[in-house]
Amino acid sequence: MPVKQRSHDTINSSLPYLFSPVSDNAKQPAPLVLFLHGGRDRGTDLNVLLKWGLPRFVDLSDSLSYVFAAPQILAEQTWADRADDVLALLDELILSQPVDPARVILAGFSLGSAGIWHIAALHPDRFAGLVAVSGRVPKTLGESELAALKDIPVQIFQGGQDKNLPIEDTENFVERLRQVGGKVDLTVLPDGDHFIADEVYGDPKLQQWLISLSRRNTALVV
């Protein structure tokens, strides 16, 4: 269904975001998918988020079984800069929408993927799953931070022809995460470049995965 444009007021500023409610016939309470955009979609125009990837998929869908939100940061910012505001938005959505707090999925593309690692490592008890698409792997995460992620199911997607991201770095990160007990799946699209978000987020299998997760039952991961 068409997404709405909203803004969440923070202590120092505001955080604009796209929003789509759960479908009327969905089971309540519902999952929440919180999406962090890539670097080129930073700015003050939420419409740029609708051009592709998960926001575009949600906008063009008739109805979905999850609540969706996609905040936007300014051109000079990173998601680490706005982590507290993202969490405040999450809290607001849990209070105002029929969201199951045990079924929150944090998803990202490129710069947004770097953001999900940062936020989830600091607050691992908040998320039931992570989806990282075309994201540079966080070499700065220490073993304790990696261990904090071990109970969160993770899906990582990368294009085999992505000139921005060495596949070896991603494979090494996946191995490090698995060594601490992490539940992580890596999918490489052999012919894909950096911009694989449309193909990834529109995949019915991933869409089903998003609504299958719960911190109450991590065995639901497929």
Protein backbone atom coordinates (compact mmCIF):
# COMPACT_ATOMS: atom_id res chain seq x y z
CA MET A 1 0.00 0.00 0.00
CA PRO A 2 1.22 3.57 -0.57
CA VAL A 3 3.50 4.69 2.22
CA LYS A 4 2.98 7.83 4.28
CA GLN A 5 5.51 10.50 5.17
CA ARG A 6 5.91 11.29 8.84
CA SER A 7 8.41 12.88 11.22
CA HIS A 8 9.52 11.88 14.69
CA ASP A 9 10.58 14.75 16.94
CA THR A 10 13.82 14.20 18.83
CA ILE A 11 15.55 16.23 21.54
CA ASN A 12 17.74 18.17 19.13
CA SER A 13 15.96 17.84 15.79
CA SER A 14 13.50 15.62 13.95
CA LEU A 15 13.77 12.34 12.10
CA PRO A 16 11.60 12.13 8.98
CA TYR A 17 10.48 8.66 7.95
CA LEU A 18 8.33 6.67 5.58
CA PHE A 19 5.61 4.61 7.21
CA SER A 20 3.25 1.84 6.16
CA PRO A 21 0.79 0.17 8.56
CA VAL A 22 0.15 -3.54 8.73
CA SER A 23 -2.72 -4.82 6.57
CA ASP A 24 -6.13 -4.85 8.22
CA ASN A 25 -6.45 -8.64 8.06
CA ALA A 26 -2.96 -9.39 9.40
CA LYS A 27 -2.50 -11.29 12.63
CA GLN A 28 -2.03 -8.94 15.56
CA PRO A 29 0.31 -7.87 17.00
CA ALA A 30 2.50 -7.65 13.92
CA PRO A 31 6.22 -7.63 13.10
CA LEU A 32 8.00 -4.34 12.42
CA VAL A 33 10.58 -3.97 9.66
CA LEU A 34 12.79 -0.92 10.25
CA PHE A 35 14.83 -0.03 7.15
CA LEU A 36 18.01 2.08 7.01
CA HIS A 37 18.79 3.54 3.57
CA GLY A 38 22.10 3.89 1.74
CA GLY A 39 24.42 6.86 1.40
CA ARG A 40 23.06 8.31 -1.81
CA ASP A 41 19.53 8.54 -0.36
CA ARG A 42 20.55 10.89 2.45
CA GLY A 43 19.03 14.37 2.41
CA THR A 44 15.69 16.07 3.07
CA ASP A 45 13.46 14.48 0.41
CA LEU A 46 11.80 11.26 1.52
CA ASN A 47 10.62 10.61 -2.03
CA VAL A 48 14.12 9.52 -3.06
CA LEU A 49 13.75 6.45 -0.81
CA LEU A 50 10.77 5.33 -2.88
CA LYS A 51 12.75 4.94 -6.10
CA TRP A 52 14.00 1.44 -5.34
CA GLY A 53 14.68 -1.30 -2.81
CA LEU A 54 12.49 -2.15 0.16
CA PRO A 55 10.65 1.22 0.37
CA ARG A 56 9.65 0.89 -3.28
CA PHE A 57 8.52 -2.72 -2.75
CA VAL A 58 6.36 -1.69 0.22
CA ASP A 59 4.93 1.30 -1.63
CA LEU A 60 3.85 -0.86 -4.58
CA SER A 61 2.47 -3.75 -2.52
CA ASP A 62 -1.27 -4.08 -1.95
CA SER A 63 -0.86 -5.05 1.70
CA LEU A 64 1.80 -6.54 3.94
CA SER A 65 1.84 -8.52 7.17
CA TYR A 66 4.24 -6.16 8.91
CA VAL A 67 4.50 -2.54 9.93
CA PHE A 68 7.20 -0.74 7.92
CA ALA A 69 9.25 2.35 8.70
CA ALA A 70 12.23 3.92 6.92
CA PRO A 71 13.84 7.01 8.50
CA GLN A 72 16.04 9.40 6.52
CA ILE A 73 19.24 11.07 7.71
CA LEU A 74 20.89 14.24 6.42
CA ALA A 75 23.63 14.26 3.80
CA GLU A 76 26.53 14.69 6.21
CA GLN A 77 25.32 12.10 8.74
CA THR A 78 25.84 8.38 9.32
CA TRP A 79 23.47 5.99 11.06
CA ALA A 80 25.82 5.80 14.02
CA ASP A 81 25.24 9.55 14.45
CA ARG A 82 21.48 9.01 14.69
CA ALA A 83 21.39 5.65 16.48
CA ASP A 84 19.64 7.07 19.55
CA ASP A 85 17.01 8.71 17.36
CA VAL A 86 16.41 5.47 15.46
CA LEU A 87 15.83 3.66 18.75
CA ALA A 88 13.52 6.43 19.92
CA LEU A 89 11.52 6.05 16.71
CA LEU A 90 11.39 2.30 17.32
CA ASP A 91 9.99 2.90 20.81
CA GLU A 92 7.39 5.30 19.45
CA LEU A 93 6.22 2.80 16.82
CA ILE A 94 5.91 0.04 19.41
CA LEU A 95 3.75 2.32 21.54
CA SER A 96 1.58 3.71 18.75
CA GLN A 97 1.21 0.74 16.40
CA PRO A 98 0.15 -2.91 16.82
CA VAL A 99 3.79 -4.01 16.88
CA ASP A 100 5.10 -7.10 18.65
CA PRO A 101 8.37 -5.91 20.28
CA ALA A 102 9.75 -9.46 20.01
CA ARG A 103 9.40 -9.34 16.22
CA VAL A 104 11.43 -6.29 15.17
CA ILE A 105 13.67 -6.76 12.12
CA LEU A 106 16.38 -4.24 11.28
CA ALA A 107 17.23 -4.08 7.57
CA GLY A 108 19.66 -1.95 5.61
CA PHE A 109 21.31 -1.22 2.30
CA SER A 110 24.95 -0.14 1.87
CA LEU A 111 25.51 2.64 4.43
CA GLY A 112 22.36 1.41 6.15
CA SER A 113 23.88 -2.05 6.56
CA ALA A 114 26.79 -0.50 8.43
CA GLY A 115 24.17 1.15 10.61
CA ILE A 116 22.38 -2.06 11.49
CA TRP A 117 25.61 -3.70 12.71
CA HIS A 118 26.35 -0.71 14.93
CA ILE A 119 22.86 -0.45 16.39
CA ALA A 120 22.25 -4.19 16.82
CA ALA A 121 25.60 -4.79 18.52
CA LEU A 122 24.76 -2.14 21.11
CA HIS A 123 21.15 -3.29 21.57
CA PRO A 124 20.97 -6.98 20.59
CA ASP A 125 17.93 -7.63 22.77
CA ARG A 126 15.81 -5.32 20.60
CA PHE A 127 15.94 -7.27 17.33
CA ALA A 128 14.64 -10.60 16.05
CA GLY A 129 16.57 -10.49 12.77
CA LEU A 130 18.96 -8.48 10.59
CA VAL A 131 19.12 -8.07 6.81
CA ALA A 132 22.27 -6.52 5.31
CA VAL A 133 22.33 -5.81 1.56
CA SER A 134 25.49 -4.58 -0.22
CA GLY A 135 26.90 -3.43 3.09
CA ARG A 136 30.54 -2.92 3.98
CA VAL A 137 31.36 -5.33 6.78
CA PRO A 138 32.28 -3.80 10.14
CA LYS A 139 35.97 -4.53 10.66
CA THR A 140 35.94 -2.51 13.87
CA LEU A 141 33.55 -4.83 15.72
CA GLY A 142 35.38 -6.60 18.53
CA GLU A 143 34.76 -10.15 19.68
CA SER A 144 32.44 -9.05 22.48
CA GLU A 145 30.33 -7.05 20.02
CA LEU A 146 30.24 -9.96 17.60
CA ALA A 147 29.20 -12.26 20.42
CA ALA A 148 26.34 -9.86 21.20
CA LEU A 149 24.96 -10.60 17.71
CA LYS A 150 25.15 -14.38 17.97
CA ASP A 151 21.51 -14.93 18.89
CA ILE A 152 20.11 -12.73 16.11
CA PRO A 153 19.42 -14.52 12.79
CA VAL A 154 21.17 -12.66 9.96
CA GLN A 155 20.74 -12.59 6.19
CA ILE A 156 23.58 -11.01 4.17
CA PHE A 157 23.27 -10.35 0.43
CA GLN A 158 26.02 -9.22 -1.93
CA GLY A 159 26.46 -8.94 -5.67
CA GLY A 160 29.26 -11.02 -7.15
CA GLN A 161 30.20 -8.09 -9.40
CA ASP A 162 30.10 -5.45 -6.64
CA LYS A 163 33.24 -3.36 -7.19
CA ASN A 164 32.75 -1.51 -3.90
CA LEU A 165 32.85 -4.54 -1.60
CA PRO A 166 35.47 -7.32 -1.71
CA ILE A 167 33.62 -10.62 -1.32
CA GLU A 168 36.55 -11.91 0.75
CA ASP A 169 35.86 -9.31 3.43
CA THR A 170 32.24 -10.38 3.64
CA GLU A 171 33.14 -14.08 3.78
CA ASN A 172 35.66 -13.43 6.55
CA PHE A 173 33.08 -11.51 8.56
CA VAL A 174 30.53 -14.28 8.13
CA GLU A 175 33.10 -16.81 9.36
CA ARG A 176 33.93 -14.66 12.39
CA LEU A 177 30.26 -14.37 13.24
CA ARG A 178 29.74 -18.10 12.88
CA GLN A 179 32.73 -18.82 15.10
CA VAL A 180 31.01 -17.04 18.01
CA GLY A 181 27.81 -19.00 17.38
CA GLY A 182 26.08 -16.59 15.04
CA LYS A 183 23.18 -17.69 12.83
CA VAL A 184 24.09 -16.12 9.51
CA ASP A 185 23.31 -16.91 5.88
CA LEU A 186 25.32 -15.32 3.04
CA THR A 187 23.72 -15.12 -0.40
CA VAL A 188 25.89 -13.99 -3.32
CA LEU A 189 24.12 -12.96 -6.52
CA PRO A 190 26.79 -13.92 -9.11
CA ASP A 191 25.81 -11.34 -11.73
CA GLY A 192 24.73 -8.63 -9.32
CA ASP A 193 26.53 -5.33 -8.79
CA HIS A 194 26.18 -3.01 -5.79
CA PHE A 195 22.56 -2.16 -6.56
CA ILE A 196 20.77 -5.46 -5.93
CA ALA A 197 18.20 -4.14 -3.46
CA ASP A 198 15.18 -4.48 -5.79
CA GLU A 199 15.92 -8.13 -6.46
CA VAL A 200 16.73 -8.98 -2.85
CA TYR A 201 13.89 -7.26 -1.03
CA GLY A 202 11.27 -8.32 -3.55
CA ASP A 203 12.11 -12.01 -3.13
CA PRO A 204 9.08 -13.85 -1.66
CA LYS A 205 11.38 -16.09 0.38
CA LEU A 206 12.94 -13.11 2.14
CA GLN A 207 9.53 -11.54 2.67
CA GLN A 208 8.36 -14.75 4.32
CA TRP A 209 11.53 -14.85 6.44
CA LEU A 210 10.82 -11.36 7.74
CA ILE A 211 7.48 -12.37 9.22
CA SER A 212 8.68 -15.78 10.51
CA LEU A 213 11.08 -14.36 13.09
CA SER A 214 10.54 -13.89 16.80
CA ARG A 215 12.96 -13.55 19.69
CA ARG A 216 10.70 -16.00 21.50
CA ASN A 217 11.48 -18.73 19.00
CA THR A 218 14.67 -18.36 16.95
CA ALA A 219 14.15 -21.89 15.62
CA LEU A 220 11.71 -20.36 13.13
CA VAL A 221 14.63 -19.20 10.97
CA VAL A 222 14.58 -20.77 7.49
